[in-house]
Amino acid sequence: MSIQTCSAAVRAPELPIRRQSILYRRAAPNPCPGCGQNQWLVGRVMAECAFCETALPLEQNFRFSGLSLA
């Protein structure tokens, strides 16, 4: 059994930089970033995926430096 080596450097493709916050939005489809399902348990501050328990903050409660994203 022989092992072949590659002399060329192999680089992984660069992924695009995403500047989005992952938030639960009531008026939009919300696939879970953890498992891809669409069933959520929605509370006052957070929404939790019913399948994998990934938690996301609600859009209307999200504040960044005192400014709302909505």
Protein backbone atom coordinates (compact mmCIF):
# COMPACT_ATOMS: atom_id res chain seq x y z
CA MET A 1 0.00 0.00 0.00
CA SER A 2 1.45 3.35 -0.98
CA ILE A 3 0.54 6.83 0.19
CA GLN A 4 0.34 9.56 -2.41
CA THR A 5 1.09 13.12 -1.42
CA CYS A 6 0.01 16.32 -3.07
CA SER A 7 2.60 19.07 -3.37
CA ALA A 8 0.01 21.81 -4.08
CA ALA A 9 -1.37 23.65 -1.07
CA VAL A 10 -5.06 22.89 -0.59
CA ARG A 11 -7.09 25.75 0.85
CA ALA A 12 -10.67 25.68 2.01
CA PRO A 13 -12.98 28.08 0.16
CA GLU A 14 -13.65 31.28 2.04
CA LEU A 15 -17.19 31.69 3.31
CA PRO A 16 -19.01 35.00 2.85
CA ILE A 17 -19.20 37.15 5.96
CA ARG A 18 -22.75 37.46 7.22
CA ARG A 19 -23.62 40.56 9.19
CA GLN A 20 -27.02 39.38 10.39
CA SER A 21 -28.23 38.69 13.88
CA ILE A 22 -30.11 35.46 14.31
CA LEU A 23 -33.45 36.49 15.79
CA TYR A 24 -36.90 34.95 15.98
CA ARG A 25 -39.24 37.05 13.83
CA ARG A 26 -42.99 36.58 14.22
CA ALA A 27 -43.94 37.67 10.69
CA ALA A 28 -41.29 35.60 8.88
CA PRO A 29 -40.47 31.92 8.41
CA ASN A 30 -37.99 30.89 11.11
CA PRO A 31 -36.04 27.73 10.33
CA CYS A 32 -33.94 26.67 13.30
CA PRO A 33 -30.21 27.36 12.81
CA GLY A 34 -29.46 24.14 14.73
CA CYS A 35 -31.69 21.56 13.03
CA GLY A 36 -33.71 23.31 10.29
CA GLN A 37 -37.15 22.56 11.78
CA ASN A 38 -39.87 25.24 12.02
CA GLN A 39 -41.68 24.55 15.29
CA TRP A 40 -41.01 26.98 18.13
CA LEU A 41 -42.01 27.46 21.76
CA VAL A 42 -42.33 31.24 22.05
CA GLY A 43 -42.01 33.01 25.38
CA ARG A 44 -41.82 36.65 26.41
CA VAL A 45 -38.09 37.06 25.73
CA MET A 46 -36.88 33.95 23.86
CA ALA A 47 -38.15 31.39 21.34
CA GLU A 48 -36.93 27.80 21.71
CA CYS A 49 -36.86 25.16 18.99
CA ALA A 50 -39.27 22.34 19.87
CA PHE A 51 -36.87 19.74 18.43
CA CYS A 52 -33.29 20.63 19.44
CA GLU A 53 -33.90 23.32 22.12
CA THR A 54 -31.90 26.02 20.33
CA ALA A 55 -32.92 29.36 21.85
CA LEU A 56 -33.21 32.63 19.91
CA PRO A 57 -34.06 36.10 21.23
CA LEU A 58 -37.30 37.65 19.99
CA GLU A 59 -36.86 40.43 17.45
CA GLN A 60 -39.12 42.94 19.23
CA ASN A 61 -37.11 42.56 22.48
CA PHE A 62 -33.65 42.75 20.90
CA ARG A 63 -31.69 45.91 21.66
CA PHE A 64 -28.18 46.80 20.56
CA SER A 65 -26.60 49.83 22.26
CA GLY A 66 -30.04 51.14 23.10
CA LEU A 67 -31.24 51.03 19.47
CA SER A 68 -33.91 48.71 18.13
CA LEU A 69 -33.34 46.81 14.89
CA ALA A 70 -37.03 46.96 13.98
